[in-house]
PDB file of N, CA and C in Angstrom:
ATOM      1  N   UNK A   1     -66.610-239.169 -12.435  1.00  0.00           N
ATOM      2  CA  UNK A   1     -65.847-240.759 -12.370  1.00  0.00           C
ATOM      3  C   UNK A   1     -64.960-240.753 -12.926  1.00  0.00           C
ATOM      4  N   UNK A   2     -63.993-241.496 -13.519  1.00  0.00           N
ATOM      5  CA  UNK A   2     -62.189-241.271 -13.642  1.00  0.00           C
ATOM      6  C   UNK A   2     -62.608-243.072 -14.420  1.00  0.00           C
ATOM      7  N   UNK A   3     -62.781-243.075 -15.738  1.00  0.00           N
ATOM      8  CA  UNK A   3     -63.107-244.440 -16.267  1.00  0.00           C
ATOM      9  C   UNK A   3     -61.567-245.116 -16.628  1.00  0.00           C
ATOM     10  N   UNK A   4     -60.658-244.550 -16.983  1.00  0.00           N
ATOM     11  CA  UNK A   4     -59.111-245.676 -17.343  1.00  0.00           C
ATOM     12  C   UNK A   4     -58.376-244.613 -16.323  1.00  0.00           C
ATOM     13  N   UNK A   5     -57.211-245.103 -15.539  1.00  0.00           N
ATOM     14  CA  UNK A   5     -55.748-243.774 -15.311  1.00  0.00           C
ATOM     15  C   UNK A   5     -54.846-244.810 -16.647  1.00  0.00           C
ATOM     16  N   UNK A   6     -54.222-242.690 -16.586  1.00  0.00           N
ATOM     17  CA  UNK A   6     -53.220-243.519 -17.991  1.00  0.00           C
ATOM     18  C   UNK A   6     -51.909-242.263 -17.032  1.00  0.00           C
ATOM     19  N   UNK A   7     -51.127-243.712 -16.862  1.00  0.00           N
ATOM     20  CA  UNK A   7     -49.530-243.004 -15.858  1.00  0.00           C
ATOM     21  C   UNK A   7     -48.168-243.255 -17.120  1.00  0.00           C
ATOM     22  N   UNK A   8     -47.470-242.074 -17.239  1.00  0.00           N
ATOM     23  CA  UNK A   8     -47.030-241.971 -18.066  1.00  0.00           C
ATOM     24  C   UNK A   8     -45.396-243.327 -17.829  1.00  0.00           C
ATOM     25  N   UNK A   9     -44.835-244.004 -18.749  1.00  0.00           N
ATOM     26  CA  UNK A   9     -43.503-244.909 -18.286  1.00  0.00           C
ATOM     27  C   UNK A   9     -42.840-243.841 -18.971  1.00  0.00           C
ATOM     28  N   UNK A  10     -41.763-243.919 -18.083  1.00  0.00           N
ATOM     29  CA  UNK A  10     -40.650-242.907 -18.024  1.00  0.00           C
ATOM     30  C   UNK A  10     -39.139-243.722 -18.738  1.00  0.00           C
ATOM     31  N   UNK A  11     -38.959-244.604 -18.454  1.00  0.00           N
ATOM     32  CA  UNK A  11     -38.244-245.719 -18.462  1.00  0.00           C
ATOM     33  C   UNK A  11     -38.357-246.224 -19.723  1.00  0.00           C
ATOM     34  N   UNK A  12     -39.535-246.643 -20.830  1.00  0.00           N
ATOM     35  CA  UNK A  12     -39.900-247.018 -21.968  1.00  0.00           C
ATOM     36  C   UNK A  12     -39.433-246.235 -22.736  1.00  0.00           C
ATOM     37  N   UNK A  13     -39.454-244.500 -21.937  1.00  0.00           N
ATOM     38  CA  UNK A  13     -38.935-243.646 -23.226  1.00  0.00           C
ATOM     39  C   UNK A  13     -38.046-243.342 -23.437  1.00  0.00           C
ATOM     40  N   UNK A  14     -36.698-243.653 -21.828  1.00  0.00           N
ATOM     41  CA  UNK A  14     -35.649-243.802 -22.076  1.00  0.00           C
ATOM     42  C   UNK A  14     -34.917-244.863 -22.877  1.00  0.00           C
ATOM     43  N   UNK A  15     -35.365-246.034 -23.261  1.00  0.00           N
ATOM     44  CA  UNK A  15     -34.940-246.931 -23.881  1.00  0.00           C
ATOM     45  C   UNK A  15     -35.175-246.986 -25.171  1.00  0.00           C
ATOM     46  N   UNK A  16     -36.285-246.362 -25.568  1.00  0.00           N
ATOM     47  CA  UNK A  16     -36.402-246.305 -27.098  1.00  0.00           C
ATOM     48  C   UNK A  16     -35.400-244.961 -27.738  1.00  0.00           C
ATOM     49  N   UNK A  17     -34.961-244.190 -26.610  1.00  0.00           N
ATOM     50  CA  UNK A  17     -34.167-242.988 -27.644  1.00  0.00           C
ATOM     51  C   UNK A  17     -32.448-243.718 -27.086  1.00  0.00           C
ATOM     52  N   UNK A  18     -32.294-244.196 -26.801  1.00  0.00           N
ATOM     53  CA  UNK A  18     -30.775-245.002 -27.102  1.00  0.00           C
ATOM     54  C   UNK A  18     -30.682-244.988 -28.041  1.00  0.00           C
ATOM     55  N   UNK A  19     -29.357-244.775 -28.779  1.00  0.00           N
ATOM     56  CA  UNK A  19     -28.955-245.524 -30.238  1.00  0.00           C
ATOM     57  C   UNK A  19     -27.781-246.151 -30.285  1.00  0.00           C
ATOM     58  N   UNK A  20     -28.272-246.674 -30.925  1.00  0.00           N
ATOM     59  CA  UNK A  20     -26.991-247.617 -31.297  1.00  0.00           C
ATOM     60  C   UNK A  20     -26.259-247.772 -32.551  1.00  0.00           C
ATOM     61  N   UNK A  21     -25.561-247.905 -32.556  1.00  0.00           N
ATOM     62  CA  UNK A  21     -24.229-247.818 -33.711  1.00  0.00           C
ATOM     63  C   UNK A  21     -24.783-248.598 -35.186  1.00  0.00           C
ATOM     64  N   UNK A  22     -24.818-247.844 -35.800  1.00  0.00           N
ATOM     65  CA  UNK A  22     -24.726-247.871 -36.886  1.00  0.00           C
ATOM     66  C   UNK A  22     -24.370-249.243 -37.489  1.00  0.00           C
ATOM     67  N   UNK A  23     -23.138-249.535 -37.358  1.00  0.00           N
ATOM     68  CA  UNK A  23     -22.964-251.314 -37.403  1.00  0.00           C
ATOM     69  C   UNK A  23     -23.322-251.789 -36.591  1.00  0.00           C
ATOM     70  N   UNK A  24     -23.139-251.672 -35.770  1.00  0.00           N
ATOM     71  CA  UNK A  24     -24.059-252.678 -34.472  1.00  0.00           C
ATOM     72  C   UNK A  24     -25.559-253.461 -35.111  1.00  0.00           C
ATOM     73  N   UNK A  25     -26.432-252.162 -35.804  1.00  0.00           N
ATOM     74  CA  UNK A  25     -27.743-252.595 -36.693  1.00  0.00           C
ATOM     75  C   UNK A  25     -27.343-253.867 -37.578  1.00  0.00           C
ATOM     76  N   UNK A  26     -25.977-253.641 -38.390  1.00  0.00           N
ATOM     77  CA  UNK A  26     -26.014-254.739 -39.428  1.00  0.00           C
ATOM     78  C   UNK A  26     -25.708-255.722 -38.826  1.00  0.00           C
ATOM     79  N   UNK A  27     -24.462-256.015 -37.655  1.00  0.00           N
ATOM     80  CA  UNK A  27     -24.120-257.312 -37.101  1.00  0.00           C
ATOM     81  C   UNK A  27     -24.865-257.819 -36.364  1.00  0.00           C
ATOM     82  N   UNK A  28     -26.231-257.276 -35.692  1.00  0.00           N
ATOM     83  CA  UNK A  28     -27.434-257.302 -35.130  1.00  0.00           C
ATOM     84  C   UNK A  28     -28.062-258.489 -36.236  1.00  0.00           C
ATOM     85  N   UNK A  29     -28.299-257.968 -37.033  1.00  0.00           N
ATOM     86  CA  UNK A  29     -29.426-258.802 -38.566  1.00  0.00           C
ATOM     87  C   UNK A  29     -28.969-259.515 -39.476  1.00  0.00           C
ATOM     88  N   UNK A  30     -27.326-259.681 -39.601  1.00  0.00           N
ATOM     89  CA  UNK A  30     -26.637-260.547 -39.779  1.00  0.00           C
ATOM     90  C   UNK A  30     -27.083-262.084 -39.487  1.00  0.00           C
ATOM     91  N   UNK A  31     -27.263-263.200 -39.887  1.00  0.00           N
ATOM     92  CA  UNK A  31     -27.440-264.454 -39.589  1.00  0.00           C
ATOM     93  C   UNK A  31     -26.085-265.156 -39.492  1.00  0.00           C
ATOM     94  N   UNK A  32     -25.449-265.069 -40.599  1.00  0.00           N
ATOM     95  CA  UNK A  32     -24.242-265.846 -40.013  1.00  0.00           C
ATOM     96  C   UNK A  32     -23.217-264.596 -39.993  1.00  0.00           C
ATOM     97  N   UNK A  33     -22.344-263.995 -39.107  1.00  0.00           N
ATOM     98  CA  UNK A  33     -21.616-263.086 -37.933  1.00  0.00           C
ATOM     99  C   UNK A  33     -20.270-263.096 -39.776  1.00  0.00           C
ATOM    100  N   UNK A  34     -19.978-264.336 -40.275  1.00  0.00           N
ATOM    101  CA  UNK A  34     -18.618-263.777 -40.865  1.00  0.00           C
ATOM    102  C   UNK A  34     -18.672-263.470 -41.796  1.00  0.00           C
ATOM    103  N   UNK A  35     -20.205-263.372 -42.457  1.00  0.00           N
ATOM    104  CA  UNK A  35     -20.512-262.430 -43.561  1.00  0.00           C
ATOM    105  C   UNK A  35     -20.072-261.298 -43.832  1.00  0.00           C
ATOM    106  N   UNK A  36     -19.800-260.469 -41.847  1.00  0.00           N
ATOM    107  CA  UNK A  36     -19.648-258.895 -41.727  1.00  0.00           C
ATOM    108  C   UNK A  36     -18.020-258.923 -42.315  1.00  0.00           C
ATOM    109  N   UNK A  37     -17.183-260.044 -41.968  1.00  0.00           N
ATOM    110  CA  UNK A  37     -16.318-260.192 -42.246  1.00  0.00           C
ATOM    111  C   UNK A  37     -15.070-260.421 -43.265  1.00  0.00           C
ATOM    112  N   UNK A  38     -15.654-261.376 -44.003  1.00  0.00           N
ATOM    113  CA  UNK A  38     -15.295-261.749 -44.694  1.00  0.00           C
ATOM    114  C   UNK A  38     -14.487-260.619 -45.926  1.00  0.00           C
ATOM    115  N   UNK A  39     -13.554-261.019 -46.550  1.00  0.00           N
ATOM    116  CA  UNK A  39     -13.439-260.292 -47.620  1.00  0.00           C
ATOM    117  C   UNK A  39     -12.542-261.022 -48.330  1.00  0.00           C
ATOM    118  N   UNK A  40     -12.949-260.792 -50.123  1.00  0.00           N
ATOM    119  CA  UNK A  40     -11.556-261.591 -50.785  1.00  0.00           C
ATOM    120  C   UNK A  40     -10.448-260.866 -51.704  1.00  0.00           C
ATOM    121  N   UNK A  41      -9.463-261.264 -52.161  1.00  0.00           N
ATOM    122  CA  UNK A  41      -8.471-260.175 -51.815  1.00  0.00           C
ATOM    123  C   UNK A  41      -8.872-260.594 -53.592  1.00  0.00           C
ATOM    124  N   UNK A  42      -8.738-259.360 -54.536  1.00  0.00           N
ATOM    125  CA  UNK A  42      -8.758-259.122 -55.898  1.00  0.00           C
ATOM    126  C   UNK A  42      -7.429-258.418 -56.143  1.00  0.00           C
ATOM    127  N   UNK A  43      -6.844-259.456 -57.848  1.00  0.00           N
ATOM    128  CA  UNK A  43      -6.251-258.314 -57.899  1.00  0.00           C
ATOM    129  C   UNK A  43      -5.559-257.616 -58.519  1.00  0.00           C
ATOM    130  N   UNK A  44      -4.781-256.819 -58.060  1.00  0.00           N
ATOM    131  CA  UNK A  44      -4.786-254.664 -58.632  1.00  0.00           C
ATOM    132  C   UNK A  44      -5.046-254.507 -59.901  1.00  0.00           C
ATOM    133  N   UNK A  45      -4.686-256.026 -60.812  1.00  0.00           N
ATOM    134  CA  UNK A  45      -5.166-255.883 -62.480  1.00  0.00           C
ATOM    135  C   UNK A  45      -6.372-255.756 -62.754  1.00  0.00           C
ATOM    136  N   UNK A  46      -7.013-256.272 -61.400  1.00  0.00           N
ATOM    137  CA  UNK A  46      -8.927-256.901 -62.004  1.00  0.00           C
ATOM    138  C   UNK A  46      -9.147-255.645 -61.987  1.00  0.00           C
ATOM    139  N   UNK A  47      -9.195-255.055 -60.443  1.00  0.00           N
ATOM    140  CA  UNK A  47      -9.447-253.153 -59.943  1.00  0.00           C
ATOM    141  C   UNK A  47      -9.440-252.253 -60.628  1.00  0.00           C
ATOM    142  N   UNK A  48      -8.161-252.241 -60.900  1.00  0.00           N
ATOM    143  CA  UNK A  48      -8.201-250.949 -62.392  1.00  0.00           C
ATOM    144  C   UNK A  48      -9.378-251.322 -63.624  1.00  0.00           C
ATOM    145  N   UNK A  49      -9.123-253.158 -63.653  1.00  0.00           N
ATOM    146  CA  UNK A  49     -10.209-253.251 -64.963  1.00  0.00           C
ATOM    147  C   UNK A  49     -11.686-252.619 -64.883  1.00  0.00           C
ATOM    148  N   UNK A  50     -12.240-253.151 -63.362  1.00  0.00           N
ATOM    149  CA  UNK A  50     -13.625-252.660 -62.965  1.00  0.00           C
ATOM    150  C   UNK A  50     -13.637-250.897 -63.175  1.00  0.00           C
ATOM    151  N   UNK A  51     -11.706-250.425 -62.514  1.00  0.00           N
ATOM    152  CA  UNK A  51     -12.594-249.230 -63.097  1.00  0.00           C
ATOM    153  C   UNK A  51     -11.988-248.338 -64.124  1.00  0.00           C
ATOM    154  N   UNK A  52     -11.550-249.209 -64.782  1.00  0.00           N
ATOM    155  CA  UNK A  52     -11.152-248.768 -66.435  1.00  0.00           C
ATOM    156  C   UNK A  52     -12.349-248.442 -67.338  1.00  0.00           C
ATOM    157  N   UNK A  53     -13.565-249.509 -66.891  1.00  0.00           N
ATOM    158  CA  UNK A  53     -14.341-249.761 -67.466  1.00  0.00           C
ATOM    159  C   UNK A  53     -15.878-248.649 -67.371  1.00  0.00           C
ATOM    160  N   UNK A  54     -15.518-248.632 -65.605  1.00  0.00           N
ATOM    161  CA  UNK A  54     -16.335-248.155 -64.986  1.00  0.00           C
ATOM    162  C   UNK A  54     -16.181-246.354 -65.748  1.00  0.00           C
ATOM    163  N   UNK A  55     -14.919-246.187 -65.829  1.00  0.00           N
ATOM    164  CA  UNK A  55     -15.250-244.687 -66.212  1.00  0.00           C
ATOM    165  C   UNK A  55     -15.369-244.364 -67.125  1.00  0.00           C
ATOM    166  N   UNK A  56     -15.029-245.310 -68.751  1.00  0.00           N
ATOM    167  CA  UNK A  56     -15.140-245.838 -69.721  1.00  0.00           C
ATOM    168  C   UNK A  56     -16.595-245.468 -70.111  1.00  0.00           C
ATOM    169  N   UNK A  57     -17.083-245.934 -69.558  1.00  0.00           N
ATOM    170  CA  UNK A  57     -19.010-246.087 -69.776  1.00  0.00           C
ATOM    171  C   UNK A  57     -19.707-244.752 -69.708  1.00  0.00           C
ATOM    172  N   UNK A  58     -18.597-244.311 -68.727  1.00  0.00           N
ATOM    173  CA  UNK A  58     -19.413-242.796 -67.536  1.00  0.00           C
ATOM    174  C   UNK A  58     -18.934-241.582 -68.767  1.00  0.00           C
ATOM    175  N   UNK A  59     -17.745-241.620 -69.405  1.00  0.00           N
ATOM    176  CA  UNK A  59     -17.265-241.113 -70.637  1.00  0.00           C
ATOM    177  C   UNK A  59     -18.304-241.396 -71.884  1.00  0.00           C
ATOM    178  N   UNK A  60     -18.258-242.443 -72.318  1.00  0.00           N
ATOM    179  CA  UNK A  60     -18.645-242.482 -73.740  1.00  0.00           C
ATOM    180  C   UNK A  60     -20.745-241.956 -72.325  1.00  0.00           C
ATOM    181  N   UNK A  61     -21.234-242.158 -71.862  1.00  0.00           N
ATOM    182  CA  UNK A  61     -22.634-241.755 -72.084  1.00  0.00           C
ATOM    183  C   UNK A  61     -21.959-239.918 -71.106  1.00  0.00           C
ATOM    184  N   UNK A  62     -21.765-239.566 -71.403  1.00  0.00           N
ATOM    185  CA  UNK A  62     -21.417-237.849 -71.494  1.00  0.00           C
ATOM    186  C   UNK A  62     -20.919-237.554 -72.685  1.00  0.00           C
ATOM    187  N   UNK A  63     -20.335-238.655 -73.067  1.00  0.00           N
ATOM    188  CA  UNK A  63     -20.582-237.784 -74.151  1.00  0.00           C
ATOM    189  C   UNK A  63     -21.856-238.309 -75.901  1.00  0.00           C
ATOM    190  N   UNK A  64     -22.171-238.935 -74.725  1.00  0.00           N
ATOM    191  CA  UNK A  64     -23.904-239.584 -76.419  1.00  0.00           C
ATOM    192  C   UNK A  64     -24.393-238.440 -75.865  1.00  0.00           C
ATOM    193  N   UNK A  65     -24.890-238.173 -74.688  1.00  0.00           N
ATOM    194  CA  UNK A  65     -25.801-236.669 -73.621  1.00  0.00           C
ATOM    195  C   UNK A  65     -25.531-235.652 -74.586  1.00  0.00           C
ATOM    196  N   UNK A  66     -23.532-234.749 -74.428  1.00  0.00           N
ATOM    197  CA  UNK A  66     -23.744-233.676 -75.786  1.00  0.00           C
ATOM    198  C   UNK A  66     -23.718-233.376 -76.633  1.00  0.00           C
ATOM    199  N   UNK A  67     -24.454-234.692 -77.399  1.00  0.00           N
ATOM    200  CA  UNK A  67     -23.908-234.796 -78.977  1.00  0.00           C
ATOM    201  C   UNK A  67     -24.605-233.439 -79.232  1.00  0.00           C
ATOM    202  N   UNK A  68     -24.783-232.163 -78.896  1.00  0.00           N
ATOM    203  CA  UNK A  68     -25.350-231.302 -79.718  1.00  0.00           C
ATOM    204  C   UNK A  68     -23.973-230.193 -79.850  1.00  0.00           C
ATOM    205  N   UNK A  69     -22.466-230.788 -78.581  1.00  0.00           N
ATOM    206  CA  UNK A  69     -21.564-229.792 -79.100  1.00  0.00           C
ATOM    207  C   UNK A  69     -20.939-230.927 -79.426  1.00  0.00           C
ATOM    208  N   UNK A  70     -20.117-231.091 -80.881  1.00  0.00           N
ATOM    209  CA  UNK A  70     -19.426-232.210 -81.380  1.00  0.00           C
ATOM    210  C   UNK A  70     -18.416-231.809 -80.465  1.00  0.00           C
ATOM    211  N   UNK A  71     -17.295-230.518 -80.196  1.00  0.00           N
ATOM    212  CA  UNK A  71     -16.393-230.516 -79.997  1.00  0.00           C
ATOM    213  C   UNK A  71     -15.966-231.401 -78.290  1.00  0.00           C
ATOM    214  N   UNK A  72     -16.964-231.103 -78.151  1.00  0.00           N
ATOM    215  CA  UNK A  72     -17.021-231.691 -76.257  1.00  0.00           C
ATOM    216  C   UNK A  72     -17.414-233.552 -76.490  1.00  0.00           C
ATOM    217  N   UNK A  73     -18.236-233.760 -77.614  1.00  0.00           N
ATOM    218  CA  UNK A  73     -18.720-234.634 -77.543  1.00  0.00           C
ATOM    219  C   UNK A  73     -17.998-236.158 -77.622  1.00  0.00           C
ATOM    220  N   UNK A  74     -17.533-235.431 -79.482  1.00  0.00           N
ATOM    221  CA  UNK A  74     -16.409-236.754 -79.527  1.00  0.00           C
ATOM    222  C   UNK A  74     -14.978-236.982 -79.336  1.00  0.00           C
ATOM    223  N   UNK A  75     -14.513-235.945 -78.282  1.00  0.00           N
ATOM    224  CA  UNK A  75     -13.314-236.763 -77.426  1.00  0.00           C
ATOM    225  C   UNK A  75     -13.747-236.724 -76.500  1.00  0.00           C
ATOM    226  N   UNK A  76     -14.947-236.372 -75.990  1.00  0.00           N
ATOM    227  CA  UNK A  76     -15.614-237.504 -74.765  1.00  0.00           C
ATOM    228  C   UNK A  76     -15.933-239.178 -75.150  1.00  0.00           C
ATOM    229  N   UNK A  77     -16.308-239.456 -76.633  1.00  0.00           N
ATOM    230  CA  UNK A  77     -16.192-240.715 -76.768  1.00  0.00           C
ATOM    231  C   UNK A  77     -15.340-241.682 -77.075  1.00  0.00           C
ATOM    232  N   UNK A  78     -14.386-240.280 -77.604  1.00  0.00           N
ATOM    233  CA  UNK A  78     -13.021-241.555 -77.858  1.00  0.00           C
ATOM    234  C   UNK A  78     -11.926-241.868 -76.722  1.00  0.00           C
ATOM    235  N   UNK A  79     -12.326-240.814 -75.447  1.00  0.00           N
ATOM    236  CA  UNK A  79     -11.736-241.245 -74.078  1.00  0.00           C
ATOM    237  C   UNK A  79     -12.151-242.579 -73.819  1.00  0.00           C
ATOM    238  N   UNK A  80     -13.290-242.380 -73.795  1.00  0.00           N
ATOM    239  CA  UNK A  80     -14.797-243.251 -73.620  1.00  0.00           C
ATOM    240  C   UNK A  80     -14.183-244.957 -74.208  1.00  0.00           C
ATOM    241  N   UNK A  81     -13.852-244.460 -74.939  1.00  0.00           N
ATOM    242  CA  UNK A  81     -13.932-246.408 -76.539  1.00  0.00           C
ATOM    243  C   UNK A  81     -12.518-246.518 -75.490  1.00  0.00           C
ATOM    244  N   UNK A  82     -10.755-245.850 -75.775  1.00  0.00           N
ATOM    245  CA  UNK A  82     -10.063-246.191 -74.892  1.00  0.00           C
ATOM    246  C   UNK A  82      -9.693-246.684 -73.757  1.00  0.00           C
ATOM    247  N   UNK A  83     -11.011-246.028 -73.033  1.00  0.00           N
ATOM    248  CA  UNK A  83     -10.346-245.757 -71.743  1.00  0.00           C
ATOM    249  C   UNK A  83     -11.204-246.943 -70.993  1.00  0.00           C
ATOM    250  N   UNK A  84     -12.124-247.801 -71.634  1.00  0.00           N
ATOM    251  CA  UNK A  84     -13.032-249.242 -71.347  1.00  0.00           C
ATOM    252  C   UNK A  84     -12.718-250.123 -72.495  1.00  0.00           C
ATOM    253  N   UNK A  85     -11.140-250.042 -73.264  1.00  0.00           N
ATOM    254  CA  UNK A  85     -10.518-250.641 -74.118  1.00  0.00           C
ATOM    255  C   UNK A  85      -9.713-250.830 -73.257  1.00  0.00           C
ATOM    256  N   UNK A  86      -9.265-250.272 -72.044  1.00  0.00           N
ATOM    257  CA  UNK A  86      -7.568-250.329 -71.508  1.00  0.00           C
ATOM    258  C   UNK A  86      -8.286-250.597 -69.867  1.00  0.00           C
ATOM    259  N   UNK A  87      -9.598-250.666 -69.679  1.00  0.00           N
ATOM    260  CA  UNK A  87     -10.087-251.566 -68.428  1.00  0.00           C
ATOM    261  C   UNK A  87     -10.374-252.924 -69.038  1.00  0.00           C
ATOM    262  N   UNK A  88     -10.930-253.343 -70.191  1.00  0.00           N
ATOM    263  CA  UNK A  88     -10.749-254.663 -70.711  1.00  0.00           C
ATOM    264  C   UNK A  88      -9.814-255.650 -70.320  1.00  0.00           C
ATOM    265  N   UNK A  89      -8.550-254.727 -71.250  1.00  0.00           N
ATOM    266  CA  UNK A  89      -7.038-255.611 -71.256  1.00  0.00           C
ATOM    267  C   UNK A  89      -6.782-256.199 -69.658  1.00  0.00           C
ATOM    268  N   UNK A  90      -7.200-254.189 -68.845  1.00  0.00           N
ATOM    269  CA  UNK A  90      -6.507-255.443 -67.450  1.00  0.00           C
ATOM    270  C   UNK A  90      -7.448-256.268 -66.245  1.00  0.00           C
ATOM    271  N   UNK A  91      -8.423-256.014 -67.172  1.00  0.00           N
ATOM    272  CA  UNK A  91      -9.658-256.897 -66.461  1.00  0.00           C
ATOM    273  C   UNK A  91      -9.241-258.494 -66.654  1.00  0.00           C
ATOM    274  N   UNK A  92      -9.002-258.872 -67.737  1.00  0.00           N
ATOM    275  CA  UNK A  92      -8.509-260.073 -68.474  1.00  0.00           C
ATOM    276  C   UNK A  92      -7.200-260.284 -69.021  1.00  0.00           C
ATOM    277  N   UNK A  93      -6.040-259.422 -68.516  1.00  0.00           N
ATOM    278  CA  UNK A  93      -4.954-259.447 -68.573  1.00  0.00           C
ATOM    279  C   UNK A  93      -4.326-261.039 -67.360  1.00  0.00           C
ATOM    280  N   UNK A  94      -5.155-261.135 -66.125  1.00  0.00           N
ATOM    281  CA  UNK A  94      -4.495-262.010 -65.580  1.00  0.00           C
ATOM    282  C   UNK A  94      -4.397-263.373 -65.304  1.00  0.00           C
ATOM    283  N   UNK A  95      -6.125-263.472 -66.647  1.00  0.00           N
ATOM    284  CA  UNK A  95      -6.921-264.687 -66.931  1.00  0.00           C
ATOM    285  C   UNK A  95      -5.773-265.029 -67.917  1.00  0.00           C
ATOM    286  N   UNK A  96      -5.067-264.129 -68.734  1.00  0.00           N
ATOM    287  CA  UNK A  96      -4.735-264.874 -70.281  1.00  0.00           C
ATOM    288  C   UNK A  96      -3.376-265.103 -69.947  1.00  0.00           C
ATOM    289  N   UNK A  97      -2.714-264.204 -69.165  1.00  0.00           N
ATOM    290  CA  UNK A  97      -1.832-264.990 -68.916  1.00  0.00           C
ATOM    291  C   UNK A  97      -0.966-264.930 -67.383  1.00  0.00           C
ATOM    292  N   UNK A  98      -0.714-265.761 -67.412  1.00  0.00           N
ATOM    293  CA  UNK A  98      -0.684-266.961 -65.299  1.00  0.00           C
ATOM    294  C   UNK A  98       0.055-266.232 -65.153  1.00  0.00           C
ATOM    295  N   UNK A  99       1.695-265.241 -65.272  1.00  0.00           N
ATOM    296  CA  UNK A  99       2.250-265.483 -64.519  1.00  0.00           C
ATOM    297  C   UNK A  99       2.400-263.834 -64.644  1.00  0.00           C
ATOM    298  N   UNK A 100       0.971-263.225 -64.752  1.00  0.00           N
ATOM    299  CA  UNK A 100       1.389-261.741 -64.203  1.00  0.00           C
ATOM    300  C   UNK A 100       1.246-261.592 -62.970  1.00  0.00           C
ATOM    301  N   UNK A 101       2.131-260.156 -62.757  1.00  0.00           N
ATOM    302  CA  UNK A 101       2.979-259.975 -61.073  1.00  0.00           C
ATOM    303  C   UNK A 101       0.726-259.964 -60.374  1.00  0.00           C
ATOM    304  N   UNK A 102       0.929-259.928 -59.170  1.00  0.00           N
ATOM    305  CA  UNK A 102      -0.236-260.105 -58.724  1.00  0.00           C
ATOM    306  C   UNK A 102      -1.041-261.206 -58.632  1.00  0.00           C
ATOM    307  N   UNK A 103      -0.530-262.422 -59.127  1.00  0.00           N
ATOM    308  CA  UNK A 103      -2.030-263.578 -59.669  1.00  0.00           C
ATOM    309  C   UNK A 103      -0.748-264.661 -59.110  1.00  0.00           C
ATOM    310  N   UNK A 104      -1.623-265.080 -57.992  1.00  0.00           N
ATOM    311  CA  UNK A 104      -1.071-265.905 -56.884  1.00  0.00           C
ATOM    312  C   UNK A 104      -1.066-267.379 -57.283  1.00  0.00           C
ATOM    313  N   UNK A 105      -0.236-268.352 -58.617  1.00  0.00           N
ATOM    314  CA  UNK A 105      -0.547-269.352 -58.910  1.00  0.00           C
ATOM    315  C   UNK A 105      -0.169-270.756 -58.308  1.00  0.00           C
ATOM    316  N   UNK A 106       0.216-270.700 -57.123  1.00  0.00           N
ATOM    317  CA  UNK A 106       0.380-271.741 -56.414  1.00  0.00           C
ATOM    318  C   UNK A 106      -0.091-271.094 -55.191  1.00  0.00           C
ATOM    319  N   UNK A 107      -0.701-272.362 -54.278  1.00  0.00           N
ATOM    320  CA  UNK A 107      -1.720-272.469 -52.792  1.00  0.00           C
ATOM    321  C   UNK A 107      -0.425-272.614 -51.818  1.00  0.00           C
TER     322      UNK A 107
END
């Protein structure tokens, strides 16, 4: 005597295997669609500042991790400090000098 009958559902299996585009999953989950398309214009000097600070920090970290080899450690630390100093200058320059190229002064 058979208690229950299980029949396979092939349509449900086909729908589960349908792959969605990776970006469409983000668009579906976003509550505000403008969150996916908004952009911020950043002056080039500020972007260079971010890169300089991140690169300088990386060089300083590498220089401190290789402290057993002073011939490599010291130049990496000096390059890291100089790169971070340039990054700081490039980041702050548009705010100090108002007529810097790339900074919009009027709307």
